[in-house]
Amino acid sequence: MDKRLLDILCCPVSKTPVRPLNTSELGALNRAIDGGQVLSVAGTTVQGRLAEGLITVDRKVIYRIEDGIPVMLPEEGIGTTQFTDFPGSP
């Protein structure tokens, strides 16, 4: 992802900056998605695995990237509090 774009992106709700998901975070998320355990902020089950994603620096919300385009819609976010073993969780 273009560094200049990443520098200006933030969560549309909290205005918290975002960073790319690392490999272990993306793997953990996709395993949970495969298990049908992941809900969007809107409460719908996330169906497809993510090839890329962004996470807020406070690690509260994940946004997917589709075809290189960040999907920064509040209702499409994935809250990390639903995970008990998300990498790096306190």
N, C-alpha and C. Protein backbone atom coordinates (compact mmCIF):
# COMPACT_ATOMS: atom_id res chain seq x y z
N MET A 1 0.85 -1.18 0.00
CA MET A 1 0.00 0.00 0.00
C MET A 1 0.89 1.23 0.00
N ASP A 2 0.47 2.23 -0.70
CA ASP A 2 1.23 3.47 -0.81
C ASP A 2 1.39 4.13 0.56
N LYS A 3 2.62 4.43 0.91
CA LYS A 3 2.93 5.03 2.22
C LYS A 3 2.19 6.36 2.41
N ARG A 4 2.08 7.15 1.37
CA ARG A 4 1.39 8.45 1.49
C ARG A 4 -0.08 8.26 1.83
N LEU A 5 -0.73 7.27 1.22
CA LEU A 5 -2.13 6.98 1.52
C LEU A 5 -2.26 6.47 2.96
N LEU A 6 -1.37 5.58 3.34
CA LEU A 6 -1.40 5.03 4.69
C LEU A 6 -1.23 6.12 5.74
N ASP A 7 -0.42 7.11 5.44
CA ASP A 7 -0.18 8.21 6.38
C ASP A 7 -1.43 9.07 6.64
N ILE A 8 -2.37 9.10 5.68
CA ILE A 8 -3.56 9.94 5.88
C ILE A 8 -4.80 9.16 6.29
N LEU A 9 -4.74 7.83 6.17
CA LEU A 9 -5.90 7.02 6.54
C LEU A 9 -6.05 6.92 8.05
N CYS A 10 -7.31 6.89 8.48
CA CYS A 10 -7.61 6.69 9.90
C CYS A 10 -9.00 6.07 10.01
N CYS A 11 -9.30 5.54 11.18
CA CYS A 11 -10.62 4.99 11.44
C CYS A 11 -11.65 6.09 11.27
N PRO A 12 -12.70 5.87 10.49
CA PRO A 12 -13.70 6.92 10.27
C PRO A 12 -14.50 7.27 11.52
N VAL A 13 -14.50 6.41 12.52
CA VAL A 13 -15.26 6.66 13.74
C VAL A 13 -14.39 7.32 14.81
N SER A 14 -13.28 6.68 15.14
CA SER A 14 -12.43 7.18 16.24
C SER A 14 -11.33 8.11 15.79
N LYS A 15 -11.08 8.16 14.49
CA LYS A 15 -9.99 8.96 13.90
C LYS A 15 -8.61 8.46 14.30
N THR A 16 -8.54 7.21 14.79
CA THR A 16 -7.27 6.58 15.16
C THR A 16 -6.53 6.18 13.89
N PRO A 17 -5.24 6.45 13.80
CA PRO A 17 -4.46 6.02 12.63
C PRO A 17 -4.49 4.50 12.47
N VAL A 18 -4.21 4.04 11.25
CA VAL A 18 -4.19 2.62 10.96
C VAL A 18 -2.81 2.20 10.44
N ARG A 19 -2.55 0.91 10.52
CA ARG A 19 -1.33 0.32 9.97
C ARG A 19 -1.72 -1.00 9.32
N PRO A 20 -0.87 -1.53 8.44
CA PRO A 20 -1.19 -2.82 7.82
C PRO A 20 -1.16 -3.95 8.85
N LEU A 21 -2.03 -4.94 8.66
CA LEU A 21 -1.99 -6.15 9.48
C LEU A 21 -0.68 -6.88 9.20
N ASN A 22 -0.04 -7.40 10.25
CA ASN A 22 1.15 -8.21 10.00
C ASN A 22 0.72 -9.64 9.68
N THR A 23 1.68 -10.47 9.33
CA THR A 23 1.40 -11.83 8.90
C THR A 23 0.67 -12.65 9.96
N SER A 24 1.10 -12.56 11.22
CA SER A 24 0.45 -13.36 12.26
C SER A 24 -0.96 -12.86 12.54
N GLU A 25 -1.18 -11.56 12.50
CA GLU A 25 -2.53 -11.01 12.70
C GLU A 25 -3.46 -11.44 11.57
N LEU A 26 -2.97 -11.35 10.35
CA LEU A 26 -3.78 -11.74 9.19
C LEU A 26 -4.10 -13.23 9.23
N GLY A 27 -3.12 -14.06 9.60
CA GLY A 27 -3.36 -15.49 9.70
C GLY A 27 -4.40 -15.83 10.75
N ALA A 28 -4.29 -15.20 11.92
CA ALA A 28 -5.25 -15.45 13.00
C ALA A 28 -6.66 -15.02 12.58
N LEU A 29 -6.76 -13.87 11.93
CA LEU A 29 -8.06 -13.38 11.47
C LEU A 29 -8.66 -14.35 10.45
N ASN A 30 -7.87 -14.78 9.48
CA ASN A 30 -8.39 -15.67 8.45
C ASN A 30 -8.77 -17.04 9.01
N ARG A 31 -8.05 -17.53 10.00
CA ARG A 31 -8.46 -18.79 10.64
C ARG A 31 -9.82 -18.64 11.32
N ALA A 32 -10.02 -17.51 11.97
CA ALA A 32 -11.31 -17.25 12.62
C ALA A 32 -12.42 -17.10 11.58
N ILE A 33 -12.12 -16.42 10.47
CA ILE A 33 -13.11 -16.28 9.39
C ILE A 33 -13.46 -17.65 8.83
N ASP A 34 -12.45 -18.50 8.62
CA ASP A 34 -12.71 -19.86 8.11
C ASP A 34 -13.63 -20.63 9.05
N GLY A 35 -13.52 -20.36 10.34
CA GLY A 35 -14.36 -21.04 11.32
C GLY A 35 -15.73 -20.42 11.49
N GLY A 36 -16.02 -19.37 10.71
CA GLY A 36 -17.32 -18.72 10.79
C GLY A 36 -17.54 -17.95 12.08
N GLN A 37 -16.45 -17.52 12.70
CA GLN A 37 -16.52 -16.89 14.02
C GLN A 37 -16.42 -15.37 14.01
N VAL A 38 -16.30 -14.76 12.85
CA VAL A 38 -16.00 -13.32 12.80
C VAL A 38 -17.22 -12.53 12.35
N LEU A 39 -17.54 -11.50 13.13
CA LEU A 39 -18.64 -10.60 12.81
C LEU A 39 -18.12 -9.21 12.51
N SER A 40 -18.78 -8.54 11.58
CA SER A 40 -18.47 -7.13 11.33
C SER A 40 -19.09 -6.30 12.45
N VAL A 41 -18.75 -5.03 12.47
CA VAL A 41 -19.33 -4.12 13.45
C VAL A 41 -20.85 -4.10 13.32
N ALA A 42 -21.35 -4.28 12.11
CA ALA A 42 -22.80 -4.29 11.86
C ALA A 42 -23.46 -5.59 12.32
N GLY A 43 -22.65 -6.59 12.71
CA GLY A 43 -23.21 -7.84 13.21
C GLY A 43 -23.38 -8.93 12.17
N THR A 44 -22.89 -8.71 10.96
CA THR A 44 -22.98 -9.73 9.93
C THR A 44 -21.72 -10.59 9.93
N THR A 45 -21.88 -11.86 9.59
CA THR A 45 -20.73 -12.77 9.54
C THR A 45 -19.83 -12.41 8.37
N VAL A 46 -18.54 -12.29 8.65
CA VAL A 46 -17.55 -12.01 7.60
C VAL A 46 -17.34 -13.31 6.83
N GLN A 47 -17.58 -13.27 5.52
CA GLN A 47 -17.56 -14.48 4.70
C GLN A 47 -16.20 -14.80 4.10
N GLY A 48 -15.55 -13.83 3.52
CA GLY A 48 -14.33 -14.11 2.78
C GLY A 48 -13.06 -13.77 3.52
N ARG A 49 -12.03 -14.59 3.28
CA ARG A 49 -10.71 -14.33 3.86
C ARG A 49 -10.18 -12.99 3.36
N LEU A 50 -9.32 -12.39 4.14
CA LEU A 50 -8.69 -11.14 3.75
C LEU A 50 -7.29 -11.43 3.21
N ALA A 51 -6.96 -10.83 2.06
CA ALA A 51 -5.61 -10.91 1.53
C ALA A 51 -4.74 -9.85 2.19
N GLU A 52 -5.39 -8.73 2.53
CA GLU A 52 -4.72 -7.61 3.19
C GLU A 52 -5.72 -6.95 4.11
N GLY A 53 -5.21 -6.23 5.08
CA GLY A 53 -6.09 -5.49 5.97
C GLY A 53 -5.33 -4.41 6.71
N LEU A 54 -6.09 -3.52 7.30
CA LEU A 54 -5.54 -2.45 8.13
C LEU A 54 -6.11 -2.61 9.53
N ILE A 55 -5.33 -2.27 10.52
CA ILE A 55 -5.79 -2.31 11.90
C ILE A 55 -5.47 -0.96 12.54
N THR A 56 -6.37 -0.48 13.38
CA THR A 56 -6.10 0.77 14.08
C THR A 56 -4.91 0.56 15.01
N VAL A 57 -4.13 1.60 15.24
CA VAL A 57 -2.93 1.45 16.07
C VAL A 57 -3.28 1.10 17.52
N ASP A 58 -4.51 1.35 17.94
CA ASP A 58 -4.94 0.92 19.28
C ASP A 58 -5.46 -0.52 19.26
N ARG A 59 -5.41 -1.17 18.07
CA ARG A 59 -5.74 -2.58 17.87
C ARG A 59 -7.20 -2.91 18.14
N LYS A 60 -8.10 -1.97 17.93
CA LYS A 60 -9.51 -2.20 18.22
C LYS A 60 -10.35 -2.58 17.01
N VAL A 61 -9.98 -2.10 15.81
CA VAL A 61 -10.79 -2.33 14.62
C VAL A 61 -9.90 -2.68 13.43
N ILE A 62 -10.37 -3.65 12.64
CA ILE A 62 -9.70 -4.07 11.41
C ILE A 62 -10.58 -3.67 10.23
N TYR A 63 -9.93 -3.17 9.18
CA TYR A 63 -10.62 -2.86 7.92
C TYR A 63 -9.97 -3.66 6.81
N ARG A 64 -10.76 -4.24 5.93
CA ARG A 64 -10.20 -5.01 4.83
C ARG A 64 -9.71 -4.10 3.70
N ILE A 65 -8.85 -4.66 2.89
CA ILE A 65 -8.38 -4.00 1.67
C ILE A 65 -8.79 -4.91 0.52
N GLU A 66 -9.52 -4.36 -0.43
CA GLU A 66 -9.97 -5.13 -1.59
C GLU A 66 -9.34 -4.55 -2.85
N ASP A 67 -8.60 -5.37 -3.57
CA ASP A 67 -7.95 -4.94 -4.81
C ASP A 67 -7.12 -3.68 -4.60
N GLY A 68 -6.44 -3.61 -3.46
CA GLY A 68 -5.58 -2.47 -3.15
C GLY A 68 -6.31 -1.25 -2.62
N ILE A 69 -7.62 -1.35 -2.43
CA ILE A 69 -8.42 -0.21 -1.97
C ILE A 69 -8.93 -0.48 -0.56
N PRO A 70 -8.56 0.36 0.41
CA PRO A 70 -9.06 0.18 1.78
C PRO A 70 -10.57 0.43 1.84
N VAL A 71 -11.28 -0.47 2.51
CA VAL A 71 -12.72 -0.33 2.70
C VAL A 71 -12.92 0.22 4.12
N MET A 72 -13.01 1.52 4.22
CA MET A 72 -13.04 2.20 5.52
C MET A 72 -14.46 2.59 5.94
N LEU A 73 -15.41 1.72 5.68
CA LEU A 73 -16.80 1.96 6.09
C LEU A 73 -16.97 1.49 7.53
N PRO A 74 -17.53 2.33 8.41
CA PRO A 74 -17.67 1.94 9.82
C PRO A 74 -18.35 0.59 10.02
N GLU A 75 -19.43 0.33 9.29
CA GLU A 75 -20.18 -0.92 9.48
C GLU A 75 -19.43 -2.14 8.95
N GLU A 76 -18.42 -1.95 8.14
CA GLU A 76 -17.64 -3.05 7.57
C GLU A 76 -16.42 -3.40 8.44
N GLY A 77 -16.15 -2.59 9.45
CA GLY A 77 -15.02 -2.86 10.33
C GLY A 77 -15.22 -4.16 11.10
N ILE A 78 -14.11 -4.72 11.57
CA ILE A 78 -14.14 -5.95 12.35
C ILE A 78 -13.53 -5.64 13.71
N GLY A 79 -14.34 -5.69 14.75
CA GLY A 79 -13.85 -5.40 16.10
C GLY A 79 -12.97 -6.52 16.61
N THR A 80 -11.85 -6.19 17.21
CA THR A 80 -10.93 -7.22 17.70
C THR A 80 -11.31 -7.76 19.07
N THR A 81 -12.24 -7.14 19.76
CA THR A 81 -12.62 -7.64 21.09
C THR A 81 -13.31 -8.99 21.01
N GLN A 82 -13.77 -9.40 19.82
CA GLN A 82 -14.42 -10.70 19.67
C GLN A 82 -13.41 -11.86 19.64
N PHE A 83 -12.11 -11.55 19.59
CA PHE A 83 -11.07 -12.57 19.55
C PHE A 83 -10.46 -12.75 20.93
N THR A 84 -10.30 -14.00 21.35
CA THR A 84 -9.68 -14.26 22.65
C THR A 84 -8.18 -14.45 22.52
N ASP A 85 -7.70 -14.82 21.33
CA ASP A 85 -6.28 -15.11 21.17
C ASP A 85 -5.66 -14.37 19.99
N PHE A 86 -6.12 -13.16 19.74
CA PHE A 86 -5.57 -12.37 18.63
C PHE A 86 -4.12 -12.03 18.94
N PRO A 87 -3.20 -12.20 18.00
CA PRO A 87 -1.78 -11.95 18.27
C PRO A 87 -1.55 -10.54 18.83
N GLY A 88 -0.75 -10.49 19.87
CA GLY A 88 -0.42 -9.20 20.48
C GLY A 88 -1.46 -8.67 21.42
N SER A 89 -2.56 -9.41 21.62
CA SER A 89 -3.60 -8.94 22.54
C SER A 89 -3.03 -8.89 23.95
N PRO A 90 -3.45 -7.91 24.73
CA PRO A 90 -2.95 -7.82 26.11
C PRO A 90 -3.45 -8.95 26.96
